[in-house]
Amino acid sequence: MRSLLAPLLSLIASVALAQGAPSAGAAHAIVALPDQLTWGPAPPVLPAGAKLAVLEGDPTAAGPYTMRLLLPDRYRIPPHFHPFTEHVTVVKGAFKVGMGEKFDASAMNRLPVGTFAALEPNVRHYAESEGETILQLHGTGPWSLTYVNPSDDPRRRTP
């Protein structure tokens, strides 16, 4: 089985790359190689310092999306919630998560590489990275977050 996986992925990648952008309604494959991702700044709703790469879809629009967040060491996201279920997979580093409306470092759980979590809408939570961390987020958009304490929203801060 493993001996078939590499050639199959190679075939999918070469077909996807050879076909270029798919025409409307045409079936297509998306292959996102880690060293070829295009990283840019994360949306301003997140604290400064994070980077984002969109792998599939448009996280700002209705419909499915997949994106990755690159977080520096000790990057904190204050207590917040999402309007839709958020699916999170830790790809690199470790992600510490706590539940509730107040940041409490002693109540956080460490999620190592390979961990998957699904947070239902409106579940209050907070997080901090441990080492450089990459998260893969997917769900149905539009993706957004609302801070429990509006003063935690970086868009409200004056430079």
C-alpha atoms as a PDB file:
ATOM      1  CA  MET A   1       0.000   0.000   0.000  1.00  0.00           C
ATOM      2  CA  ARG A   2       2.772   2.437   0.932  1.00  0.00           C
ATOM      3  CA  SER A   3       4.606   1.657  -2.299  1.00  0.00           C
ATOM      4  CA  LEU A   4       1.550   2.883  -4.234  1.00  0.00           C
ATOM      5  CA  LEU A   5       1.082   6.094  -2.243  1.00  0.00           C
ATOM      6  CA  ALA A   6       4.171   7.994  -3.436  1.00  0.00           C
ATOM      7  CA  PRO A   7       3.546   7.372  -7.169  1.00  0.00           C
ATOM      8  CA  LEU A   8      -0.128   8.251  -6.741  1.00  0.00           C
ATOM      9  CA  LEU A   9       0.677  11.554  -5.023  1.00  0.00           C
ATOM     10  CA  SER A  10       3.281  12.289  -7.666  1.00  0.00           C
ATOM     11  CA  LEU A  11       0.753  11.619 -10.419  1.00  0.00           C
ATOM     12  CA  ILE A  12      -1.870  13.843  -8.769  1.00  0.00           C
ATOM     13  CA  ALA A  13       0.665  16.646  -8.348  1.00  0.00           C
ATOM     14  CA  SER A  14       1.902  16.437 -11.939  1.00  0.00           C
ATOM     15  CA  VAL A  15      -1.647  16.393 -13.329  1.00  0.00           C
ATOM     16  CA  ALA A  16      -2.674  19.333 -11.138  1.00  0.00           C
ATOM     17  CA  LEU A  17       0.406  21.334 -12.112  1.00  0.00           C
ATOM     18  CA  ALA A  18       0.170  20.449 -15.803  1.00  0.00           C
ATOM     19  CA  GLN A  19      -3.466  21.463 -16.040  1.00  0.00           C
ATOM     20  CA  GLY A  20      -2.941  24.871 -14.426  1.00  0.00           C
ATOM     21  CA  ALA A  21      -6.073  26.644 -13.219  1.00  0.00           C
ATOM     22  CA  PRO A  22      -9.155  24.484 -13.630  1.00  0.00           C
ATOM     23  CA  SER A  23     -12.001  25.708 -15.776  1.00  0.00           C
ATOM     24  CA  ALA A  24     -15.367  26.393 -14.167  1.00  0.00           C
ATOM     25  CA  GLY A  25     -17.029  23.154 -13.108  1.00  0.00           C
ATOM     26  CA  ALA A  26     -13.990  21.012 -13.960  1.00  0.00           C
ATOM     27  CA  ALA A  27     -12.704  18.483 -11.431  1.00  0.00           C
ATOM     28  CA  HIS A  28      -9.280  19.350 -10.069  1.00  0.00           C
ATOM     29  CA  ALA A  29      -6.797  18.449  -7.376  1.00  0.00           C
ATOM     30  CA  ILE A  30      -4.985  20.746  -4.969  1.00  0.00           C
ATOM     31  CA  VAL A  31      -1.525  19.717  -3.858  1.00  0.00           C
ATOM     32  CA  ALA A  32       0.159  22.080  -1.392  1.00  0.00           C
ATOM     33  CA  LEU A  33       3.815  21.210  -0.879  1.00  0.00           C
ATOM     34  CA  PRO A  34       5.105  22.635   2.421  1.00  0.00           C
ATOM     35  CA  ASP A  35       8.165  24.310   0.900  1.00  0.00           C
ATOM     36  CA  GLN A  36       6.073  26.001  -1.799  1.00  0.00           C
ATOM     37  CA  LEU A  37       3.415  27.669   0.364  1.00  0.00           C
ATOM     38  CA  THR A  38       2.938  31.406  -0.009  1.00  0.00           C
ATOM     39  CA  TRP A  39       2.981  32.933   3.459  1.00  0.00           C
ATOM     40  CA  GLY A  40       1.652  36.399   4.122  1.00  0.00           C
ATOM     41  CA  PRO A  41       0.576  38.362   7.161  1.00  0.00           C
ATOM     42  CA  ALA A  42      -2.271  36.858   9.183  1.00  0.00           C
ATOM     43  CA  PRO A  43      -5.536  38.802   9.213  1.00  0.00           C
ATOM     44  CA  PRO A  44      -5.522  41.883  11.485  1.00  0.00           C
ATOM     45  CA  VAL A  45      -8.010  40.200  13.850  1.00  0.00           C
ATOM     46  CA  LEU A  46      -5.033  38.158  15.119  1.00  0.00           C
ATOM     47  CA  PRO A  47      -2.203  39.633  17.195  1.00  0.00           C
ATOM     48  CA  ALA A  48       0.797  40.814  15.147  1.00  0.00           C
ATOM     49  CA  GLY A  49       3.506  38.286  14.319  1.00  0.00           C
ATOM     50  CA  ALA A  50       1.548  35.408  12.802  1.00  0.00           C
ATOM     51  CA  LYS A  51       1.676  34.423   9.135  1.00  0.00           C
ATOM     52  CA  LEU A  52      -1.018  32.774   7.034  1.00  0.00           C
ATOM     53  CA  ALA A  53      -1.062  30.577   3.927  1.00  0.00           C
ATOM     54  CA  VAL A  54      -4.368  29.731   2.262  1.00  0.00           C
ATOM     55  CA  LEU A  55      -4.331  26.205   0.844  1.00  0.00           C
ATOM     56  CA  GLU A  56      -7.896  25.943  -0.422  1.00  0.00           C
ATOM     57  CA  GLY A  57     -10.925  28.162  -0.792  1.00  0.00           C
ATOM     58  CA  ASP A  58     -11.423  31.658   0.539  1.00  0.00           C
ATOM     59  CA  PRO A  59     -11.594  31.863   4.349  1.00  0.00           C
ATOM     60  CA  THR A  60     -13.384  35.231   4.089  1.00  0.00           C
ATOM     61  CA  ALA A  61     -16.263  33.817   2.039  1.00  0.00           C
ATOM     62  CA  ALA A  62     -18.998  31.232   2.513  1.00  0.00           C
ATOM     63  CA  GLY A  63     -17.754  27.738   1.673  1.00  0.00           C
ATOM     64  CA  PRO A  64     -14.958  25.350   2.571  1.00  0.00           C
ATOM     65  CA  TYR A  65     -11.455  26.603   3.303  1.00  0.00           C
ATOM     66  CA  THR A  66      -8.121  25.214   4.471  1.00  0.00           C
ATOM     67  CA  MET A  67      -5.344  27.459   5.732  1.00  0.00           C
ATOM     68  CA  ARG A  68      -2.200  27.291   7.803  1.00  0.00           C
ATOM     69  CA  LEU A  69      -1.097  29.649  10.545  1.00  0.00           C
ATOM     70  CA  LEU A  70       2.586  30.048  11.375  1.00  0.00           C
ATOM     71  CA  LEU A  71       3.017  31.281  14.931  1.00  0.00           C
ATOM     72  CA  PRO A  72       6.240  32.413  16.593  1.00  0.00           C
ATOM     73  CA  ASP A  73       7.229  31.019  19.991  1.00  0.00           C
ATOM     74  CA  ARG A  74       4.952  32.165  22.856  1.00  0.00           C
ATOM     75  CA  TYR A  75       2.403  33.707  20.500  1.00  0.00           C
ATOM     76  CA  ARG A  76      -0.796  34.274  22.483  1.00  0.00           C
ATOM     77  CA  ILE A  77      -4.371  34.480  21.302  1.00  0.00           C
ATOM     78  CA  PRO A  78      -6.612  35.905  24.047  1.00  0.00           C
ATOM     79  CA  PRO A  79      -9.970  34.299  24.902  1.00  0.00           C
ATOM     80  CA  HIS A  80     -12.219  34.223  21.854  1.00  0.00           C
ATOM     81  CA  PHE A  81     -14.782  32.190  19.940  1.00  0.00           C
ATOM     82  CA  HIS A  82     -15.789  31.431  16.353  1.00  0.00           C
ATOM     83  CA  PRO A  83     -19.223  31.517  14.678  1.00  0.00           C
ATOM     84  CA  PHE A  84     -18.659  28.179  12.903  1.00  0.00           C
ATOM     85  CA  THR A  85     -16.913  24.933  13.865  1.00  0.00           C
ATOM     86  CA  GLU A  86     -13.149  25.325  13.623  1.00  0.00           C
ATOM     87  CA  HIS A  87     -11.007  22.266  12.892  1.00  0.00           C
ATOM     88  CA  VAL A  88      -7.375  22.520  14.006  1.00  0.00           C
ATOM     89  CA  THR A  89      -4.437  20.179  13.358  1.00  0.00           C
ATOM     90  CA  VAL A  90      -1.010  20.843  14.871  1.00  0.00           C
ATOM     91  CA  VAL A  91       1.506  20.399  12.033  1.00  0.00           C
ATOM     92  CA  LYS A  92       4.656  21.701  13.770  1.00  0.00           C
ATOM     93  CA  GLY A  93       5.596  22.726  17.296  1.00  0.00           C
ATOM     94  CA  ALA A  94       3.056  22.548  20.091  1.00  0.00           C
ATOM     95  CA  PHE A  95      -0.110  24.483  20.786  1.00  0.00           C
ATOM     96  CA  LYS A  96      -1.372  25.085  24.290  1.00  0.00           C
ATOM     97  CA  VAL A  97      -5.119  25.622  24.585  1.00  0.00           C
ATOM     98  CA  GLY A  98      -7.353  26.543  27.487  1.00  0.00           C
ATOM     99  CA  MET A  99     -11.109  26.751  27.692  1.00  0.00           C
ATOM    100  CA  GLY A 100     -13.045  29.631  29.156  1.00  0.00           C
ATOM    101  CA  GLU A 101     -13.358  33.382  29.146  1.00  0.00           C
ATOM    102  CA  LYS A 102     -10.162  34.245  31.069  1.00  0.00           C
ATOM    103  CA  PHE A 103      -6.586  33.414  30.093  1.00  0.00           C
ATOM    104  CA  ASP A 104      -5.206  30.975  32.665  1.00  0.00           C
ATOM    105  CA  ALA A 105      -1.830  29.507  31.702  1.00  0.00           C
ATOM    106  CA  SER A 106      -2.076  26.880  34.461  1.00  0.00           C
ATOM    107  CA  ALA A 107      -5.294  25.463  32.937  1.00  0.00           C
ATOM    108  CA  MET A 108      -3.938  24.977  29.415  1.00  0.00           C
ATOM    109  CA  ASN A 109      -3.510  21.608  27.697  1.00  0.00           C
ATOM    110  CA  ARG A 110      -0.467  21.021  25.485  1.00  0.00           C
ATOM    111  CA  LEU A 111      -1.354  19.712  22.024  1.00  0.00           C
ATOM    112  CA  PRO A 112       1.686  18.108  20.316  1.00  0.00           C
ATOM    113  CA  VAL A 113       2.273  17.595  16.589  1.00  0.00           C
ATOM    114  CA  GLY A 114      -0.442  15.464  15.038  1.00  0.00           C
ATOM    115  CA  THR A 115      -3.187  16.577  17.427  1.00  0.00           C
ATOM    116  CA  PHE A 116      -6.589  17.285  15.888  1.00  0.00           C
ATOM    117  CA  ALA A 117      -9.266  19.362  17.601  1.00  0.00           C
ATOM    118  CA  ALA A 118     -12.724  20.528  16.552  1.00  0.00           C
ATOM    119  CA  LEU A 119     -14.218  23.473  18.391  1.00  0.00           C
ATOM    120  CA  GLU A 120     -17.940  23.953  18.004  1.00  0.00           C
ATOM    121  CA  PRO A 121     -19.372  27.442  17.428  1.00  0.00           C
ATOM    122  CA  ASN A 122     -19.194  29.870  20.354  1.00  0.00           C
ATOM    123  CA  VAL A 123     -16.847  27.730  22.500  1.00  0.00           C
ATOM    124  CA  ARG A 124     -14.693  30.189  24.454  1.00  0.00           C
ATOM    125  CA  HIS A 125     -11.002  29.320  24.317  1.00  0.00           C
ATOM    126  CA  TYR A 126      -7.503  30.836  24.297  1.00  0.00           C
ATOM    127  CA  ALA A 127      -4.119  29.642  23.113  1.00  0.00           C
ATOM    128  CA  GLU A 128      -0.355  30.016  23.138  1.00  0.00           C
ATOM    129  CA  SER A 129       2.317  28.492  20.904  1.00  0.00           C
ATOM    130  CA  GLU A 130       5.255  26.571  22.270  1.00  0.00           C
ATOM    131  CA  GLY A 131       8.155  26.997  19.873  1.00  0.00           C
ATOM    132  CA  GLU A 132       7.517  27.976  16.276  1.00  0.00           C
ATOM    133  CA  THR A 133       4.158  26.371  15.570  1.00  0.00           C
ATOM    134  CA  ILE A 134       2.197  25.654  12.405  1.00  0.00           C
ATOM    135  CA  LEU A 135      -1.520  24.960  12.628  1.00  0.00           C
ATOM    136  CA  GLN A 136      -3.764  23.782   9.843  1.00  0.00           C
ATOM    137  CA  LEU A 137      -7.281  25.181  10.119  1.00  0.00           C
ATOM    138  CA  HIS A 138     -10.203  24.068   8.021  1.00  0.00           C
ATOM    139  CA  GLY A 139     -13.907  24.512   8.078  1.00  0.00           C
ATOM    140  CA  THR A 140     -16.753  26.286   6.369  1.00  0.00           C
ATOM    141  CA  GLY A 141     -16.385  30.026   6.077  1.00  0.00           C
ATOM    142  CA  PRO A 142     -16.400  32.769   6.488  1.00  0.00           C
ATOM    143  CA  TRP A 143     -13.721  32.259   9.164  1.00  0.00           C
ATOM    144  CA  SER A 144     -13.654  34.859  11.897  1.00  0.00           C
ATOM    145  CA  LEU A 145     -13.128  35.201  15.584  1.00  0.00           C
ATOM    146  CA  THR A 146     -14.645  37.389  18.268  1.00  0.00           C
ATOM    147  CA  TYR A 147     -12.726  38.282  21.413  1.00  0.00           C
ATOM    148  CA  VAL A 148     -14.491  37.755  24.734  1.00  0.00           C
ATOM    149  CA  ASN A 149     -12.999  41.060  25.884  1.00  0.00           C
ATOM    150  CA  PRO A 150     -13.323  43.538  22.986  1.00  0.00           C
ATOM    151  CA  SER A 151     -10.203  45.404  24.186  1.00  0.00           C
ATOM    152  CA  ASP A 152      -8.142  42.293  23.248  1.00  0.00           C
ATOM    153  CA  ASP A 153      -9.002  42.830  19.563  1.00  0.00           C
ATOM    154  CA  PRO A 154      -5.781  44.120  17.883  1.00  0.00           C
ATOM    155  CA  ARG A 155      -7.863  46.133  15.425  1.00  0.00           C
ATOM    156  CA  ARG A 156      -8.982  48.376  18.314  1.00  0.00           C
ATOM    157  CA  ARG A 157      -5.467  49.270  19.390  1.00  0.00           C
ATOM    158  CA  THR A 158      -3.931  52.532  18.298  1.00  0.00           C
ATOM    159  CA  PRO A 159      -0.397  52.352  16.887  1.00  0.00           C
END
